[in-house]
Amino acid sequence: SDPSSSSVGFGGRPDREGYVTLDACIMNHEGDCGAVAFL
């Protein structure tokens, strides 16, 4: 959520077409995991 961080989330640098697309994943102690890409 920090617009000054140009490599993560809001304020991130866009792709060469000018669109900001985001990737992320999360994993817990039981091995459960979830991810999103090109969001």
Full PDB file with SEQRES, HELIX, SHEET, SSBOND, CRYST1, ORIGX, SCALE, CONECT and MASTER records, all heavy atoms in Angstrom:
SEQRES   1 A   39  SER ASP PRO SER SER SER SER VAL GLY PHE GLY GLY ARG          
SEQRES   2 A   39  PRO ASP ARG GLU GLY TYR VAL THR LEU ASP ALA CYS ILE          
SEQRES   3 A   39  MET ASN HIS GLU GLY ASP CYS GLY ALA VAL ALA PHE LEU          
SHEET    1 AA1 2 ALA A  24  MET A  27  0                                        
SHEET    2 AA1 2 CYS A  33  VAL A  36 -1                                        
CRYST1    1.000    1.000    1.000  90.00  90.00  90.00 P 1           1          
ORIGX1      1.000000  0.000000  0.000000        0.00000                         
ORIGX2      0.000000  1.000000  0.000000        0.00000                         
ORIGX3      0.000000  0.000000  1.000000        0.00000                         
SCALE1      1.000000  0.000000  0.000000        0.00000                         
SCALE2      0.000000  1.000000  0.000000        0.00000                         
SCALE3      0.000000  0.000000  1.000000        0.00000                         
ATOM      1  N   SER A   1       0.803  -1.227   0.000  1.00  0.00           N  
ATOM      2  CA  SER A   1       0.000   0.000   0.000  1.00  0.00           C  
ATOM      3  C   SER A   1       0.832   1.271   0.000  1.00  0.00           C  
ATOM      4  O   SER A   1       0.271   2.370   0.011  1.00  0.00           O  
ATOM      5  CB  SER A   1      -0.927   0.003   1.225  1.00  0.00           C  
ATOM      6  OG  SER A   1      -1.845  -1.064   1.170  1.00  0.00           O  
ATOM      7  N   ASP A   2       2.148   1.136  -0.027  1.00  0.00           N  
ATOM      8  CA  ASP A   2       3.048   2.297   0.006  1.00  0.00           C  
ATOM      9  C   ASP A   2       3.395   2.723  -1.424  1.00  0.00           C  
ATOM     10  O   ASP A   2       4.135   2.030  -2.116  1.00  0.00           O  
ATOM     11  CB  ASP A   2       4.318   1.928   0.765  1.00  0.00           C  
ATOM     12  CG  ASP A   2       5.290   3.086   0.872  1.00  0.00           C  
ATOM     13  OD1 ASP A   2       4.992   4.191   0.356  1.00  0.00           O  
ATOM     14  OD2 ASP A   2       6.373   2.885   1.457  1.00  0.00           O  
ATOM     15  N   PRO A   3       2.891   3.867  -1.886  1.00  0.00           N  
ATOM     16  CA  PRO A   3       3.154   4.285  -3.270  1.00  0.00           C  
ATOM     17  C   PRO A   3       4.605   4.625  -3.544  1.00  0.00           C  
ATOM     18  O   PRO A   3       5.016   4.704  -4.703  1.00  0.00           O  
ATOM     19  CB  PRO A   3       2.254   5.512  -3.444  1.00  0.00           C  
ATOM     20  CG  PRO A   3       2.056   6.039  -2.065  1.00  0.00           C  
ATOM     21  CD  PRO A   3       2.024   4.824  -1.172  1.00  0.00           C  
ATOM     22  N   SER A   4       5.404   4.810  -2.499  1.00  0.00           N  
ATOM     23  CA  SER A   4       6.819   5.121  -2.708  1.00  0.00           C  
ATOM     24  C   SER A   4       7.639   3.875  -2.998  1.00  0.00           C  
ATOM     25  O   SER A   4       8.789   3.971  -3.414  1.00  0.00           O  
ATOM     26  CB  SER A   4       7.393   5.840  -1.485  1.00  0.00           C  
ATOM     27  OG  SER A   4       7.483   4.969  -0.367  1.00  0.00           O  
ATOM     28  N   SER A   5       7.059   2.707  -2.786  1.00  0.00           N  
ATOM     29  CA  SER A   5       7.755   1.455  -3.076  1.00  0.00           C  
ATOM     30  C   SER A   5       7.442   1.059  -4.519  1.00  0.00           C  
ATOM     31  O   SER A   5       6.403   0.476  -4.817  1.00  0.00           O  
ATOM     32  CB  SER A   5       7.305   0.349  -2.116  1.00  0.00           C  
ATOM     33  OG  SER A   5       7.976  -0.852  -2.394  1.00  0.00           O  
ATOM     34  N   SER A   6       8.351   1.363  -5.425  1.00  0.00           N  
ATOM     35  CA  SER A   6       8.071   1.241  -6.852  1.00  0.00           C  
ATOM     36  C   SER A   6       8.188  -0.181  -7.380  1.00  0.00           C  
ATOM     37  O   SER A   6       8.021  -0.413  -8.580  1.00  0.00           O  
ATOM     38  CB  SER A   6       9.004   2.154  -7.654  1.00  0.00           C  
ATOM     39  OG  SER A   6      10.350   1.755  -7.483  1.00  0.00           O  
ATOM     40  N   SER A   7       8.467  -1.143  -6.510  1.00  0.00           N  
ATOM     41  CA  SER A   7       8.588  -2.530  -6.960  1.00  0.00           C  
ATOM     42  C   SER A   7       7.543  -3.449  -6.349  1.00  0.00           C  
ATOM     43  O   SER A   7       7.568  -4.652  -6.594  1.00  0.00           O  
ATOM     44  CB  SER A   7       9.986  -3.066  -6.637  1.00  0.00           C  
ATOM     45  OG  SER A   7      10.212  -3.043  -5.239  1.00  0.00           O  
ATOM     46  N   VAL A   8       6.618  -2.879  -5.574  1.00  0.00           N  
ATOM     47  CA  VAL A   8       5.592  -3.680  -4.904  1.00  0.00           C  
ATOM     48  C   VAL A   8       4.275  -2.915  -4.890  1.00  0.00           C  
ATOM     49  O   VAL A   8       4.237  -1.754  -4.494  1.00  0.00           O  
ATOM     50  CB  VAL A   8       5.987  -4.006  -3.442  1.00  0.00           C  
ATOM     51  CG1 VAL A   8       4.909  -4.840  -2.759  1.00  0.00           C  
ATOM     52  CG2 VAL A   8       7.326  -4.726  -3.387  1.00  0.00           C  
ATOM     53  N   GLY A   9       3.191  -3.566  -5.322  1.00  0.00           N  
ATOM     54  CA  GLY A   9       1.845  -3.053  -5.112  1.00  0.00           C  
ATOM     55  C   GLY A   9       1.543  -1.704  -5.732  1.00  0.00           C  
ATOM     56  O   GLY A   9       1.999  -1.369  -6.834  1.00  0.00           O  
ATOM     57  N   PHE A  10       0.754  -0.914  -5.023  1.00  0.00           N  
ATOM     58  CA  PHE A  10       0.331   0.411  -5.449  1.00  0.00           C  
ATOM     59  C   PHE A  10       1.554   1.296  -5.702  1.00  0.00           C  
ATOM     60  O   PHE A  10       2.407   1.450  -4.835  1.00  0.00           O  
ATOM     61  CB  PHE A  10      -0.558   1.016  -4.362  1.00  0.00           C  
ATOM     62  CG  PHE A  10      -1.030   2.415  -4.646  1.00  0.00           C  
ATOM     63  CD1 PHE A  10      -1.633   2.734  -5.853  1.00  0.00           C  
ATOM     64  CD2 PHE A  10      -0.893   3.409  -3.694  1.00  0.00           C  
ATOM     65  CE1 PHE A  10      -2.080   4.018  -6.107  1.00  0.00           C  
ATOM     66  CE2 PHE A  10      -1.343   4.692  -3.932  1.00  0.00           C  
ATOM     67  CZ  PHE A  10      -1.930   4.994  -5.148  1.00  0.00           C  
ATOM     68  N   GLY A  11       1.667   1.841  -6.892  1.00  0.00           N  
ATOM     69  CA  GLY A  11       2.824   2.646  -7.253  1.00  0.00           C  
ATOM     70  C   GLY A  11       3.941   1.855  -7.879  1.00  0.00           C  
ATOM     71  O   GLY A  11       5.004   2.409  -8.192  1.00  0.00           O  
ATOM     72  N   GLY A  12       3.724   0.542  -8.063  1.00  0.00           N  
ATOM     73  CA  GLY A  12       4.735  -0.288  -8.703  1.00  0.00           C  
ATOM     74  C   GLY A  12       4.953   0.111 -10.156  1.00  0.00           C  
ATOM     75  O   GLY A  12       4.061   0.655 -10.809  1.00  0.00           O  
ATOM     76  N   ARG A  13       6.146  -0.152 -10.651  1.00  0.00           N  
ATOM     77  CA  ARG A  13       6.450   0.145 -12.052  1.00  0.00           C  
ATOM     78  C   ARG A  13       5.600  -0.743 -12.965  1.00  0.00           C  
ATOM     79  O   ARG A  13       5.465  -1.936 -12.725  1.00  0.00           O  
ATOM     80  CB  ARG A  13       7.926  -0.072 -12.349  1.00  0.00           C  
ATOM     81  CG  ARG A  13       8.852   0.900 -11.618  1.00  0.00           C  
ATOM     82  CD  ARG A  13       8.715   2.313 -12.174  1.00  0.00           C  
ATOM     83  NE  ARG A  13       9.758   3.187 -11.656  1.00  0.00           N  
ATOM     84  CZ  ARG A  13       9.568   4.137 -10.760  1.00  0.00           C  
ATOM     85  NH1 ARG A  13       8.363   4.313 -10.253  1.00  0.00           N  
ATOM     86  NH2 ARG A  13      10.555   4.903 -10.364  1.00  0.00           N  
ATOM     87  N   PRO A  14       5.050  -0.191 -14.033  1.00  0.00           N  
ATOM     88  CA  PRO A  14       4.179  -0.964 -14.919  1.00  0.00           C  
ATOM     89  C   PRO A  14       4.954  -1.845 -15.890  1.00  0.00           C  
ATOM     90  O   PRO A  14       6.188  -1.784 -15.963  1.00  0.00           O  
ATOM     91  CB  PRO A  14       3.415   0.128 -15.677  1.00  0.00           C  
ATOM     92  CG  PRO A  14       4.387   1.259 -15.748  1.00  0.00           C  
ATOM     93  CD  PRO A  14       5.136   1.228 -14.440  1.00  0.00           C  
ATOM     94  N   ASP A  15       4.198  -2.643 -16.642  1.00  0.00           N  
ATOM     95  CA  ASP A  15       4.812  -3.392 -17.736  1.00  0.00           C  
ATOM     96  C   ASP A  15       5.045  -2.454 -18.912  1.00  0.00           C  
ATOM     97  O   ASP A  15       4.775  -1.249 -18.832  1.00  0.00           O  
ATOM     98  CB  ASP A  15       3.953  -4.599 -18.128  1.00  0.00           C  
ATOM     99  CG  ASP A  15       2.556  -4.233 -18.628  1.00  0.00           C  
ATOM    100  OD1 ASP A  15       2.343  -3.094 -19.111  1.00  0.00           O  
ATOM    101  OD2 ASP A  15       1.661  -5.092 -18.564  1.00  0.00           O  
ATOM    102  N   ARG A  16       5.561  -2.964 -20.016  1.00  0.00           N  
ATOM    103  CA  ARG A  16       5.926  -2.087 -21.123  1.00  0.00           C  
ATOM    104  C   ARG A  16       4.718  -1.488 -21.825  1.00  0.00           C  
ATOM    105  O   ARG A  16       4.863  -0.547 -22.594  1.00  0.00           O  
ATOM    106  CB  ARG A  16       6.814  -2.830 -22.117  1.00  0.00           C  
ATOM    107  CG  ARG A  16       6.152  -3.962 -22.874  1.00  0.00           C  
ATOM    108  CD  ARG A  16       7.186  -4.630 -23.765  1.00  0.00           C  
ATOM    109  NE  ARG A  16       6.590  -5.587 -24.677  1.00  0.00           N  
ATOM    110  CZ  ARG A  16       7.272  -6.284 -25.585  1.00  0.00           C  
ATOM    111  NH1 ARG A  16       8.578  -6.128 -25.686  1.00  0.00           N  
ATOM    112  NH2 ARG A  16       6.664  -7.127 -26.377  1.00  0.00           N  
ATOM    113  N   GLU A  17       3.500  -2.003 -21.515  1.00  0.00           N  
ATOM    114  CA  GLU A  17       2.277  -1.430 -22.068  1.00  0.00           C  
ATOM    115  C   GLU A  17       1.668  -0.377 -21.149  1.00  0.00           C  
ATOM    116  O   GLU A  17       0.668   0.245 -21.505  1.00  0.00           O  
ATOM    117  CB  GLU A  17       1.247  -2.542 -22.317  1.00  0.00           C  
ATOM    118  CG  GLU A  17       1.765  -3.705 -23.145  1.00  0.00           C  
ATOM    119  CD  GLU A  17       2.169  -3.282 -24.547  1.00  0.00           C  
ATOM    120  OE1 GLU A  17       1.615  -2.303 -25.060  1.00  0.00           O  
ATOM    121  OE2 GLU A  17       3.067  -3.933 -25.125  1.00  0.00           O  
ATOM    122  N   GLY A  18       2.252  -0.223 -19.943  1.00  0.00           N  
ATOM    123  CA  GLY A  18       1.772   0.793 -19.010  1.00  0.00           C  
ATOM    124  C   GLY A  18       0.793   0.292 -17.973  1.00  0.00           C  
ATOM    125  O   GLY A  18       0.146   1.090 -17.297  1.00  0.00           O  
ATOM    126  N   TYR A  19       0.697  -1.032 -17.795  1.00  0.00           N  
ATOM    127  CA  TYR A  19      -0.227  -1.610 -16.822  1.00  0.00           C  
ATOM    128  C   TYR A  19       0.548  -2.162 -15.623  1.00  0.00           C  
ATOM    129  O   TYR A  19       1.554  -2.865 -15.795  1.00  0.00           O  
ATOM    130  CB  TYR A  19      -1.045  -2.742 -17.442  1.00  0.00           C  
ATOM    131  CG  TYR A  19      -1.932  -2.308 -18.578  1.00  0.00           C  
ATOM    132  CD1 TYR A  19      -1.503  -2.412 -19.897  1.00  0.00           C  
ATOM    133  CD2 TYR A  19      -3.210  -1.797 -18.333  1.00  0.00           C  
ATOM    134  CE1 TYR A  19      -2.313  -2.016 -20.954  1.00  0.00           C  
ATOM    135  CE2 TYR A  19      -4.033  -1.400 -19.386  1.00  0.00           C  
ATOM    136  CZ  TYR A  19      -3.580  -1.515 -20.689  1.00  0.00           C  
ATOM    137  OH  TYR A  19      -4.381  -1.116 -21.726  1.00  0.00           O  
ATOM    138  N   VAL A  20       0.060  -1.875 -14.427  1.00  0.00           N  
ATOM    139  CA  VAL A  20       0.648  -2.431 -13.215  1.00  0.00           C  
ATOM    140  C   VAL A  20       0.003  -3.787 -12.952  1.00  0.00           C  
ATOM    141  O   VAL A  20      -1.216  -3.888 -12.783  1.00  0.00           O  
ATOM    142  CB  VAL A  20       0.426  -1.509 -11.999  1.00  0.00           C  
ATOM    143  CG1 VAL A  20       1.009  -2.145 -10.734  1.00  0.00           C  
ATOM    144  CG2 VAL A  20       1.044  -0.146 -12.242  1.00  0.00           C  
ATOM    145  N   THR A  21       0.802  -4.834 -12.938  1.00  0.00           N  
ATOM    146  CA  THR A  21       0.297  -6.170 -12.659  1.00  0.00           C  
ATOM    147  C   THR A  21       1.055  -6.752 -11.474  1.00  0.00           C  
ATOM    148  O   THR A  21       2.275  -6.589 -11.367  1.00  0.00           O  
ATOM    149  CB  THR A  21       0.443  -7.098 -13.883  1.00  0.00           C  
ATOM    150  OG1 THR A  21       1.817  -7.270 -14.201  1.00  0.00           O  
ATOM    151  CG2 THR A  21      -0.279  -6.511 -15.085  1.00  0.00           C  
ATOM    152  N   LEU A  22       0.328  -7.430 -10.604  1.00  0.00           N  
ATOM    153  CA  LEU A  22       0.876  -7.852  -9.321  1.00  0.00           C  
ATOM    154  C   LEU A  22       0.885  -9.369  -9.161  1.00  0.00           C  
ATOM    155  O   LEU A  22      -0.009 -10.059  -9.656  1.00  0.00           O  
ATOM    156  CB  LEU A  22       0.057  -7.234  -8.180  1.00  0.00           C  
ATOM    157  CG  LEU A  22      -0.117  -5.713  -8.226  1.00  0.00           C  
ATOM    158  CD1 LEU A  22      -0.961  -5.256  -7.043  1.00  0.00           C  
ATOM    159  CD2 LEU A  22       1.218  -5.002  -8.260  1.00  0.00           C  
ATOM    160  N   ASP A  23       1.901  -9.860  -8.449  1.00  0.00           N  
ATOM    161  CA  ASP A  23       2.054 -11.280  -8.147  1.00  0.00           C  
ATOM    162  C   ASP A  23       2.284 -11.433  -6.646  1.00  0.00           C  
ATOM    163  O   ASP A  23       3.003 -10.630  -6.050  1.00  0.00           O  
ATOM    164  CB  ASP A  23       3.259 -11.877  -8.872  1.00  0.00           C  
ATOM    165  CG  ASP A  23       3.253 -11.636 -10.372  1.00  0.00           C  
ATOM    166  OD1 ASP A  23       2.167 -11.679 -10.971  1.00  0.00           O  
ATOM    167  OD2 ASP A  23       4.337 -11.391 -10.935  1.00  0.00           O  
ATOM    168  N   ALA A  24       1.711 -12.481  -6.048  1.00  0.00           N  
ATOM    169  CA  ALA A  24       1.915 -12.697  -4.618  1.00  0.00           C  
ATOM    170  C   ALA A  24       1.587 -14.135  -4.243  1.00  0.00           C  
ATOM    171  O   ALA A  24       0.785 -14.798  -4.911  1.00  0.00           O  
ATOM    172  CB  ALA A  24       1.032 -11.752  -3.796  1.00  0.00           C  
ATOM    173  N   CYS A  25       2.226 -14.607  -3.168  1.00  0.00           N  
ATOM    174  CA  CYS A  25       1.846 -15.898  -2.608  1.00  0.00           C  
ATOM    175  C   CYS A  25       2.044 -15.881  -1.105  1.00  0.00           C  
ATOM    176  O   CYS A  25       2.756 -15.042  -0.551  1.00  0.00           O  
ATOM    177  CB  CYS A  25       2.618 -17.047  -3.240  1.00  0.00           C  
ATOM    178  SG  CYS A  25       4.360 -17.164  -2.800  1.00  0.00           S  
ATOM    179  N   ILE A  26       1.390 -16.834  -0.443  1.00  0.00           N  
ATOM    180  CA  ILE A  26       1.433 -16.946   1.010  1.00  0.00           C  
ATOM    181  C   ILE A  26       1.387 -18.425   1.365  1.00  0.00           C  
ATOM    182  O   ILE A  26       0.782 -19.232   0.650  1.00  0.00           O  
ATOM    183  CB  ILE A  26       0.258 -16.168   1.648  1.00  0.00           C  
ATOM    184  CG1 ILE A  26       0.457 -15.985   3.148  1.00  0.00           C  
ATOM    185  CG2 ILE A  26      -1.087 -16.825   1.318  1.00  0.00           C  
ATOM    186  CD1 ILE A  26      -0.496 -14.949   3.759  1.00  0.00           C  
ATOM    187  N   MET A  27       2.049 -18.814   2.456  1.00  0.00           N  
ATOM    188  CA  MET A  27       2.115 -20.220   2.849  1.00  0.00           C  
ATOM    189  C   MET A  27       2.188 -20.322   4.361  1.00  0.00           C  
ATOM    190  O   MET A  27       2.920 -19.565   5.001  1.00  0.00           O  
ATOM    191  CB  MET A  27       3.331 -20.889   2.210  1.00  0.00           C  
ATOM    192  CG  MET A  27       3.346 -22.405   2.292  1.00  0.00           C  
ATOM    193  SD  MET A  27       4.680 -23.094   1.256  1.00  0.00           S  
ATOM    194  CE  MET A  27       4.311 -24.851   1.400  1.00  0.00           C  
ATOM    195  N   ASN A  28       1.413 -21.258   4.948  1.00  0.00           N  
ATOM    196  CA  ASN A  28       1.387 -21.378   6.396  1.00  0.00           C  
ATOM    197  C   ASN A  28       2.143 -22.607   6.884  1.00  0.00           C  
ATOM    198  O   ASN A  28       2.742 -23.351   6.101  1.00  0.00           O  
ATOM    199  CB  ASN A  28      -0.060 -21.366   6.924  1.00  0.00           C  
ATOM    200  CG  ASN A  28      -0.852 -22.610   6.525  1.00  0.00           C  
ATOM    201  OD1 ASN A  28      -0.298 -23.632   6.108  1.00  0.00           O  
ATOM    202  ND2 ASN A  28      -2.162 -22.527   6.666  1.00  0.00           N  
ATOM    203  N   HIS A  29       2.096 -22.839   8.179  1.00  0.00           N  
ATOM    204  CA  HIS A  29       2.877 -23.906   8.804  1.00  0.00           C  
ATOM    205  C   HIS A  29       2.368 -25.293   8.466  1.00  0.00           C  
ATOM    206  O   HIS A  29       3.082 -26.284   8.652  1.00  0.00           O  
ATOM    207  CB  HIS A  29       2.887 -23.718  10.323  1.00  0.00           C  
ATOM    208  CG  HIS A  29       1.553 -23.891  10.970  1.00  0.00           C  
ATOM    209  ND1 HIS A  29       0.555 -22.940  10.863  1.00  0.00           N  
ATOM    210  CD2 HIS A  29       1.045 -24.904  11.722  1.00  0.00           C  
ATOM    211  CE1 HIS A  29      -0.504 -23.342  11.528  1.00  0.00           C  
ATOM    212  NE2 HIS A  29      -0.236 -24.535  12.061  1.00  0.00           N  
ATOM    213  N   GLU A  30       1.154 -25.401   7.986  1.00  0.00           N  
ATOM    214  CA  GLU A  30       0.583 -26.698   7.635  1.00  0.00           C  
ATOM    215  C   GLU A  30       0.818 -27.063   6.170  1.00  0.00           C  
ATOM    216  O   GLU A  30       0.376 -28.114   5.709  1.00  0.00           O  
ATOM    217  CB  GLU A  30      -0.912 -26.716   7.944  1.00  0.00           C  
ATOM    218  CG  GLU A  30      -1.216 -26.581   9.442  1.00  0.00           C  
ATOM    219  CD  GLU A  30      -2.692 -26.616   9.744  1.00  0.00           C  
ATOM    220  OE1 GLU A  30      -3.476 -26.174   8.880  1.00  0.00           O  
ATOM    221  OE2 GLU A  30      -3.059 -27.095  10.840  1.00  0.00           O  
ATOM    222  N   GLY A  31       1.476 -26.184   5.432  1.00  0.00           N  
ATOM    223  CA  GLY A  31       1.716 -26.419   4.016  1.00  0.00           C  
ATOM    224  C   GLY A  31       0.618 -25.916   3.124  1.00  0.00           C  
ATOM    225  O   GLY A  31       0.666 -26.095   1.901  1.00  0.00           O  
ATOM    226  N   ASP A  32      -0.413 -25.284   3.705  1.00  0.00           N  
ATOM    227  CA  ASP A  32      -1.448 -24.655   2.893  1.00  0.00           C  
ATOM    228  C   ASP A  32      -0.855 -23.432   2.217  1.00  0.00           C  
ATOM    229  O   ASP A  32      -0.051 -22.694   2.820  1.00  0.00           O  
ATOM    230  CB  ASP A  32      -2.636 -24.233   3.762  1.00  0.00           C  
ATOM    231  CG  ASP A  32      -3.288 -25.413   4.459  1.00  0.00           C  
ATOM    232  OD1 ASP A  32      -3.391 -26.480   3.836  1.00  0.00           O  
ATOM    233  OD2 ASP A  32      -3.688 -25.249   5.636  1.00  0.00           O  
ATOM    234  N   CYS A  33      -1.261 -23.179   0.971  1.00  0.00           N  
ATOM    235  CA  CYS A  33      -0.699 -22.040   0.263  1.00  0.00           C  
ATOM    236  C   CYS A  33      -1.686 -21.505  -0.764  1.00  0.00           C  
ATOM    237  O   CYS A  33      -2.588 -22.213  -1.230  1.00  0.00           O  
ATOM    238  CB  CYS A  33       0.615 -22.412  -0.426  1.00  0.00           C  
ATOM    239  SG  CYS A  33       0.558 -23.925  -1.396  1.00  0.00           S  
ATOM    240  N   GLY A  34      -1.516 -20.245  -1.103  1.00  0.00           N  
ATOM    241  CA  GLY A  34      -2.352 -19.594  -2.107  1.00  0.00           C  
ATOM    242  C   GLY A  34      -1.542 -18.556  -2.846  1.00  0.00           C  
ATOM    243  O   GLY A  34      -0.573 -18.005  -2.306  1.00  0.00           O  
ATOM    244  N   ALA A  35      -1.933 -18.285  -4.090  1.00  0.00           N  
ATOM    245  CA  ALA A  35      -1.166 -17.349  -4.909  1.00  0.00           C  
ATOM    246  C   ALA A  35      -2.058 -16.695  -5.946  1.00  0.00           C  
ATOM    247  O   ALA A  35      -3.082 -17.258  -6.367  1.00  0.00           O  
ATOM    248  CB  ALA A  35      -0.013 -18.070  -5.598  1.00  0.00           C  
ATOM    249  N   VAL A  36      -1.642 -15.507  -6.366  1.00  0.00           N  
ATOM    250  CA  VAL A  36      -2.255 -14.810  -7.493  1.00  0.00           C  
ATOM    251  C   VAL A  36      -1.139 -14.296  -8.384  1.00  0.00           C  
ATOM    252  O   VAL A  36      -0.046 -13.980  -7.912  1.00  0.00           O  
ATOM    253  CB  VAL A  36      -3.166 -13.651  -7.054  1.00  0.00           C  
ATOM    254  CG1 VAL A  36      -4.406 -14.166  -6.342  1.00  0.00           C  
ATOM    255  CG2 VAL A  36      -2.414 -12.661  -6.157  1.00  0.00           C  
ATOM    256  N   ALA A  37      -1.422 -14.229  -9.679  1.00  0.00           N  
ATOM    257  CA  ALA A  37      -0.431 -13.718 -10.623  1.00  0.00           C  
ATOM    258  C   ALA A  37      -1.128 -12.912 -11.700  1.00  0.00           C  
ATOM    259  O   ALA A  37      -2.307 -13.153 -12.007  1.00  0.00           O  
ATOM    260  CB  ALA A  37       0.344 -14.869 -11.257  1.00  0.00           C  
ATOM    261  N   PHE A  38      -0.395 -11.931 -12.256  1.00  0.00           N  
ATOM    262  CA  PHE A  38      -0.925 -11.087 -13.327  1.00  0.00           C  
ATOM    263  C   PHE A  38      -2.264 -10.473 -12.899  1.00  0.00           C  
ATOM    264  O   PHE A  38      -3.205 -10.374 -13.659  1.00  0.00           O  
ATOM    265  CB  PHE A  38      -1.075 -11.904 -14.615  1.00  0.00           C  
ATOM    266  CG  PHE A  38      -1.287 -11.073 -15.847  1.00  0.00           C  
ATOM    267  CD1 PHE A  38      -0.517  -9.960 -16.102  1.00  0.00           C  
ATOM    268  CD2 PHE A  38      -2.267 -11.428 -16.768  1.00  0.00           C  
ATOM    269  CE1 PHE A  38      -0.718  -9.194 -17.241  1.00  0.00           C  
ATOM    270  CE2 PHE A  38      -2.481 -10.671 -17.909  1.00  0.00           C  
ATOM    271  CZ  PHE A  38      -1.696  -9.556 -18.151  1.00  0.00           C  
ATOM    272  N   LEU A  39      -2.299 -10.025 -11.633  1.00  0.00           N  
ATOM    273  CA  LEU A  39      -3.505  -9.438 -11.053  1.00  0.00           C  
ATOM    274  C   LEU A  39      -3.463  -7.926 -11.215  1.00  0.00           C  
ATOM    275  O   LEU A  39      -2.457  -7.298 -10.884  1.00  0.00           O  
ATOM    276  CB  LEU A  39      -3.603  -9.804  -9.572  1.00  0.00           C  
ATOM    277  CG  LEU A  39      -4.762  -9.193  -8.774  1.00  0.00           C  
ATOM    278  CD1 LEU A  39      -6.106  -9.679  -9.306  1.00  0.00           C  
ATOM    279  CD2 LEU A  39      -4.609  -9.525  -7.287  1.00  0.00           C  
TER     280      LEU A  39                                                      
MASTER        0    0    0    0    2    0    0    6  279    1    0    3          
END                                                                             
